[in-house]
N, C-alpha and C. Protein backbone atom coordinates (compact mmCIF):
# COMPACT_ATOMS: atom_id res chain seq x y z
N MET A 1 44.67 -10.02 53.20
CA MET A 1 44.12 -11.01 54.11
C MET A 1 42.89 -11.62 53.48
N LEU A 2 42.77 -12.93 53.62
CA LEU A 2 41.58 -13.63 53.18
C LEU A 2 40.78 -13.96 54.43
N LEU A 3 39.49 -13.65 54.40
CA LEU A 3 38.58 -14.01 55.48
C LEU A 3 37.64 -15.06 54.95
N PHE A 4 37.59 -16.20 55.60
CA PHE A 4 36.77 -17.31 55.15
C PHE A 4 35.44 -17.30 55.89
N LYS A 5 34.36 -17.21 55.15
CA LYS A 5 33.03 -17.13 55.76
C LYS A 5 32.18 -18.30 55.28
N TYR A 6 31.34 -18.77 56.17
CA TYR A 6 30.41 -19.85 55.80
C TYR A 6 29.17 -19.75 56.66
N GLU A 7 28.12 -20.41 56.22
CA GLU A 7 26.87 -20.42 56.94
C GLU A 7 26.86 -21.55 57.95
N LEU A 8 26.52 -21.24 59.19
CA LEU A 8 26.40 -22.27 60.21
C LEU A 8 25.16 -23.10 59.94
N ASN A 9 25.31 -24.41 60.01
CA ASN A 9 24.20 -25.32 59.80
C ASN A 9 24.32 -26.44 60.82
N ALA A 10 23.71 -26.24 61.98
CA ALA A 10 23.83 -27.20 63.08
C ALA A 10 23.23 -28.56 62.73
N SER A 11 22.32 -28.61 61.77
CA SER A 11 21.67 -29.87 61.43
C SER A 11 22.51 -30.73 60.47
N TYR A 12 23.55 -30.15 59.89
CA TYR A 12 24.39 -30.90 58.94
C TYR A 12 25.70 -31.31 59.62
N GLN A 13 25.98 -32.59 59.62
CA GLN A 13 27.24 -33.12 60.11
C GLN A 13 27.91 -33.85 58.96
N PRO A 14 29.08 -33.36 58.49
CA PRO A 14 29.75 -34.05 57.39
C PRO A 14 30.18 -35.46 57.79
N THR A 15 30.20 -36.35 56.81
CA THR A 15 30.65 -37.71 57.05
C THR A 15 32.17 -37.72 57.23
N GLU A 16 32.67 -38.82 57.70
CA GLU A 16 34.13 -38.97 57.87
C GLU A 16 34.83 -38.80 56.52
N ALA A 17 34.27 -39.35 55.46
CA ALA A 17 34.86 -39.22 54.12
C ALA A 17 34.86 -37.76 53.67
N GLU A 18 33.77 -37.04 53.94
CA GLU A 18 33.70 -35.62 53.56
C GLU A 18 34.73 -34.81 54.34
N MET A 19 34.88 -35.12 55.63
CA MET A 19 35.87 -34.41 56.44
C MET A 19 37.29 -34.67 55.93
N THR A 20 37.58 -35.91 55.58
CA THR A 20 38.89 -36.26 55.04
C THR A 20 39.15 -35.50 53.75
N GLU A 21 38.16 -35.46 52.86
CA GLU A 21 38.28 -34.75 51.59
C GLU A 21 38.52 -33.25 51.81
N GLN A 22 37.78 -32.66 52.74
CA GLN A 22 37.94 -31.24 53.04
C GLN A 22 39.34 -30.95 53.58
N HIS A 23 39.83 -31.80 54.48
CA HIS A 23 41.18 -31.62 55.03
C HIS A 23 42.23 -31.71 53.92
N GLN A 24 42.04 -32.66 53.01
CA GLN A 24 42.99 -32.81 51.89
C GLN A 24 42.95 -31.57 50.99
N GLN A 25 41.76 -31.06 50.70
CA GLN A 25 41.63 -29.87 49.85
C GLN A 25 42.30 -28.66 50.51
N TRP A 26 42.05 -28.47 51.81
CA TRP A 26 42.67 -27.35 52.52
C TRP A 26 44.19 -27.52 52.56
N GLY A 27 44.66 -28.74 52.80
CA GLY A 27 46.10 -29.00 52.84
C GLY A 27 46.76 -28.67 51.51
N ALA A 28 46.11 -29.06 50.41
CA ALA A 28 46.65 -28.78 49.08
C ALA A 28 46.65 -27.28 48.80
N PHE A 29 45.57 -26.59 49.17
CA PHE A 29 45.46 -25.15 48.94
C PHE A 29 46.54 -24.40 49.73
N ILE A 30 46.65 -24.69 51.01
CA ILE A 30 47.65 -24.03 51.86
C ILE A 30 49.06 -24.40 51.43
N GLY A 31 49.28 -25.69 51.13
CA GLY A 31 50.60 -26.14 50.69
C GLY A 31 51.04 -25.47 49.39
N ASN A 32 50.12 -25.32 48.46
CA ASN A 32 50.43 -24.66 47.20
C ASN A 32 50.85 -23.21 47.43
N LEU A 33 50.14 -22.50 48.29
CA LEU A 33 50.51 -21.11 48.59
C LEU A 33 51.86 -21.05 49.28
N ALA A 34 52.12 -21.99 50.18
CA ALA A 34 53.41 -22.03 50.88
C ALA A 34 54.55 -22.29 49.90
N MET A 35 54.35 -23.22 48.95
CA MET A 35 55.39 -23.52 47.97
C MET A 35 55.69 -22.30 47.09
N GLN A 36 54.68 -21.47 46.84
CA GLN A 36 54.87 -20.25 46.05
C GLN A 36 55.44 -19.11 46.89
N GLU A 37 55.67 -19.39 48.18
CA GLU A 37 56.15 -18.38 49.15
C GLU A 37 55.18 -17.21 49.25
N LYS A 38 53.89 -17.51 49.18
CA LYS A 38 52.83 -16.50 49.30
C LYS A 38 52.15 -16.52 50.66
N LEU A 39 52.33 -17.61 51.42
CA LEU A 39 51.65 -17.77 52.70
C LEU A 39 52.44 -17.13 53.83
N VAL A 40 51.78 -16.26 54.59
CA VAL A 40 52.39 -15.68 55.79
C VAL A 40 51.87 -16.40 57.03
N SER A 41 50.55 -16.52 57.16
CA SER A 41 49.95 -17.21 58.30
C SER A 41 48.51 -17.58 57.96
N THR A 42 47.98 -18.55 58.71
CA THR A 42 46.58 -18.92 58.55
C THR A 42 46.07 -19.48 59.86
N TYR A 43 44.81 -19.20 60.15
CA TYR A 43 44.20 -19.66 61.39
C TYR A 43 42.77 -20.09 61.13
N GLN A 44 42.39 -21.22 61.70
CA GLN A 44 41.00 -21.64 61.73
C GLN A 44 40.44 -21.14 63.05
N LEU A 45 39.26 -20.55 63.02
CA LEU A 45 38.65 -20.03 64.23
C LEU A 45 37.64 -21.02 64.78
N GLY A 46 37.60 -21.15 66.09
CA GLY A 46 36.63 -22.01 66.75
C GLY A 46 35.25 -21.37 66.77
N LEU A 47 34.29 -22.09 67.27
CA LEU A 47 32.91 -21.60 67.30
C LEU A 47 32.51 -21.04 68.67
N ALA A 48 33.40 -21.10 69.64
CA ALA A 48 33.12 -20.51 70.95
C ALA A 48 33.72 -19.10 70.98
N GLY A 49 32.99 -18.16 71.57
CA GLY A 49 33.51 -16.81 71.65
C GLY A 49 32.55 -15.87 72.34
N ASN A 50 33.01 -14.68 72.57
CA ASN A 50 32.21 -13.61 73.18
C ASN A 50 32.33 -12.37 72.33
N GLN A 51 31.33 -11.51 72.45
CA GLN A 51 31.36 -10.20 71.82
C GLN A 51 31.34 -9.16 72.93
N ILE A 52 32.18 -8.15 72.83
CA ILE A 52 32.16 -7.03 73.77
C ILE A 52 31.58 -5.84 73.02
N LEU A 53 30.45 -5.36 73.48
CA LEU A 53 29.77 -4.25 72.82
C LEU A 53 30.36 -2.92 73.26
N ALA A 54 30.02 -1.86 72.56
CA ALA A 54 30.56 -0.53 72.85
C ALA A 54 30.29 -0.09 74.29
N ASN A 55 29.17 -0.53 74.86
CA ASN A 55 28.85 -0.15 76.24
C ASN A 55 29.47 -1.10 77.26
N LYS A 56 30.43 -1.94 76.81
CA LYS A 56 31.19 -2.89 77.63
C LYS A 56 30.35 -4.10 78.09
N THR A 57 29.19 -4.28 77.51
CA THR A 57 28.39 -5.47 77.77
C THR A 57 29.03 -6.64 77.03
N VAL A 58 29.10 -7.78 77.69
CA VAL A 58 29.65 -8.99 77.07
C VAL A 58 28.49 -9.89 76.67
N VAL A 59 28.48 -10.30 75.41
CA VAL A 59 27.46 -11.18 74.87
C VAL A 59 28.13 -12.49 74.48
N ASP A 60 27.56 -13.59 74.95
CA ASP A 60 28.09 -14.90 74.61
C ASP A 60 27.72 -15.24 73.17
N GLY A 61 28.68 -15.72 72.40
CA GLY A 61 28.39 -16.16 71.04
C GLY A 61 29.11 -15.34 70.00
N LEU A 62 28.93 -15.76 68.76
CA LEU A 62 29.61 -15.16 67.62
C LEU A 62 28.74 -14.16 66.90
N GLN A 63 29.37 -13.21 66.26
CA GLN A 63 28.67 -12.26 65.39
C GLN A 63 28.39 -12.96 64.07
N THR A 64 27.14 -12.91 63.64
CA THR A 64 26.81 -13.46 62.34
C THR A 64 26.29 -12.34 61.45
N SER A 65 26.54 -12.47 60.19
CA SER A 65 26.05 -11.53 59.20
C SER A 65 25.46 -12.36 58.07
N GLU A 66 24.19 -12.15 57.80
CA GLU A 66 23.49 -12.94 56.79
C GLU A 66 23.68 -14.44 57.05
N LYS A 67 23.62 -14.82 58.32
CA LYS A 67 23.77 -16.20 58.80
C LYS A 67 25.17 -16.76 58.58
N GLN A 68 26.14 -15.93 58.24
CA GLN A 68 27.51 -16.40 58.03
C GLN A 68 28.39 -15.99 59.20
N VAL A 69 29.37 -16.82 59.48
CA VAL A 69 30.40 -16.51 60.47
C VAL A 69 31.76 -16.54 59.78
N ILE A 70 32.72 -15.88 60.39
CA ILE A 70 34.09 -15.96 59.90
C ILE A 70 34.71 -17.21 60.51
N GLY A 71 35.13 -18.13 59.67
CA GLY A 71 35.66 -19.40 60.13
C GLY A 71 37.17 -19.44 60.19
N GLY A 72 37.83 -18.44 59.61
CA GLY A 72 39.28 -18.42 59.63
C GLY A 72 39.81 -17.28 58.79
N ASN A 73 41.13 -17.18 58.78
CA ASN A 73 41.76 -16.13 57.97
C ASN A 73 43.11 -16.62 57.48
N MET A 74 43.62 -15.90 56.52
CA MET A 74 44.92 -16.22 55.95
C MET A 74 45.55 -14.92 55.50
N VAL A 75 46.81 -14.74 55.85
CA VAL A 75 47.56 -13.58 55.38
C VAL A 75 48.48 -14.06 54.28
N LEU A 76 48.42 -13.38 53.15
CA LEU A 76 49.23 -13.72 51.98
C LEU A 76 50.19 -12.60 51.63
N VAL A 77 51.20 -12.93 50.87
CA VAL A 77 52.05 -11.95 50.23
C VAL A 77 51.55 -11.81 48.81
N ALA A 78 51.11 -10.62 48.45
CA ALA A 78 50.62 -10.38 47.09
C ALA A 78 51.02 -8.97 46.69
N SER A 79 51.27 -8.77 45.41
CA SER A 79 51.69 -7.44 44.95
C SER A 79 50.54 -6.44 44.93
N ASN A 80 49.30 -6.96 44.85
CA ASN A 80 48.13 -6.08 44.85
C ASN A 80 46.87 -6.90 45.14
N LEU A 81 45.76 -6.22 45.25
CA LEU A 81 44.49 -6.87 45.56
C LEU A 81 44.07 -7.86 44.47
N ALA A 82 44.38 -7.54 43.23
CA ALA A 82 44.03 -8.43 42.11
C ALA A 82 44.77 -9.77 42.22
N GLU A 83 46.05 -9.73 42.59
CA GLU A 83 46.80 -10.98 42.75
C GLU A 83 46.26 -11.78 43.92
N ALA A 84 45.96 -11.12 45.02
CA ALA A 84 45.40 -11.83 46.18
C ALA A 84 44.06 -12.46 45.82
N THR A 85 43.25 -11.77 45.06
CA THR A 85 41.96 -12.29 44.62
C THR A 85 42.16 -13.52 43.73
N ARG A 86 43.11 -13.45 42.84
CA ARG A 86 43.41 -14.59 41.97
C ARG A 86 43.84 -15.80 42.80
N LEU A 87 44.70 -15.59 43.79
CA LEU A 87 45.16 -16.68 44.64
C LEU A 87 44.01 -17.29 45.45
N ALA A 88 43.04 -16.48 45.81
CA ALA A 88 41.91 -16.95 46.62
C ALA A 88 40.90 -17.76 45.82
N MET A 89 40.95 -17.71 44.50
CA MET A 89 39.97 -18.39 43.66
C MET A 89 39.95 -19.91 43.85
N ASP A 90 41.05 -20.49 44.32
CA ASP A 90 41.12 -21.94 44.52
C ASP A 90 40.79 -22.36 45.95
N CYS A 91 40.30 -21.45 46.75
CA CYS A 91 40.03 -21.74 48.16
C CYS A 91 38.92 -22.78 48.31
N PRO A 92 39.16 -23.82 49.11
CA PRO A 92 38.16 -24.88 49.29
C PRO A 92 36.85 -24.41 49.92
N ILE A 93 36.84 -23.31 50.62
CA ILE A 93 35.60 -22.83 51.24
C ILE A 93 34.55 -22.53 50.18
N LEU A 94 34.99 -22.19 48.97
CA LEU A 94 34.05 -21.89 47.88
C LEU A 94 33.27 -23.14 47.48
N ALA A 95 33.95 -24.29 47.44
CA ALA A 95 33.28 -25.55 47.08
C ALA A 95 32.33 -25.99 48.18
N MET A 96 32.50 -25.45 49.39
CA MET A 96 31.64 -25.79 50.52
C MET A 96 30.47 -24.81 50.64
N GLY A 97 30.34 -23.89 49.68
CA GLY A 97 29.25 -22.92 49.71
C GLY A 97 29.57 -21.66 50.48
N GLY A 98 30.82 -21.53 50.93
CA GLY A 98 31.23 -20.34 51.66
C GLY A 98 31.75 -19.26 50.74
N THR A 99 32.27 -18.22 51.34
CA THR A 99 32.82 -17.09 50.58
C THR A 99 34.20 -16.73 51.11
N VAL A 100 34.96 -16.05 50.27
CA VAL A 100 36.25 -15.51 50.68
C VAL A 100 36.18 -14.00 50.49
N GLU A 101 36.46 -13.29 51.55
CA GLU A 101 36.56 -11.84 51.46
C GLU A 101 38.04 -11.51 51.39
N VAL A 102 38.46 -10.80 50.37
CA VAL A 102 39.87 -10.44 50.16
C VAL A 102 40.02 -8.99 50.59
N ARG A 103 40.90 -8.77 51.56
CA ARG A 103 41.07 -7.43 52.11
C ARG A 103 42.55 -7.06 52.15
N GLU A 104 42.79 -5.79 52.01
CA GLU A 104 44.15 -5.29 52.14
C GLU A 104 44.43 -5.09 53.64
N ILE A 105 45.66 -5.33 54.05
CA ILE A 105 46.07 -5.08 55.44
C ILE A 105 46.77 -3.74 55.47
N VAL A 106 46.33 -2.89 56.38
CA VAL A 106 46.91 -1.55 56.51
C VAL A 106 47.75 -1.53 57.80
N PRO A 107 49.06 -1.34 57.68
CA PRO A 107 49.91 -1.31 58.88
C PRO A 107 49.50 -0.17 59.82
N MET A 108 49.63 -0.44 61.10
CA MET A 108 49.29 0.58 62.10
C MET A 108 50.55 1.01 62.83
């Protein structure tokens, strides 16, 4: 699984041209993985949410770590962690200053 993380910056609003470019980059990245039959699923996460704490308290908002939030995820077919990492190297989130966390999925 790839977890896409980025820093929230409420003061920055991308231009229409930047948004179009980002959509094209993501489309190419996802399309390339799909053509290789490596893509299982992908989801972009919204910015609205709640956190439920261990004591059952509900907190409005997202969990941030080092000012980063998880913006989405992608499940890939890969023979090992090294292959998944290689596939993630072309992820557009990297060009946007974000990070990709590559994790193994453990069946339950």
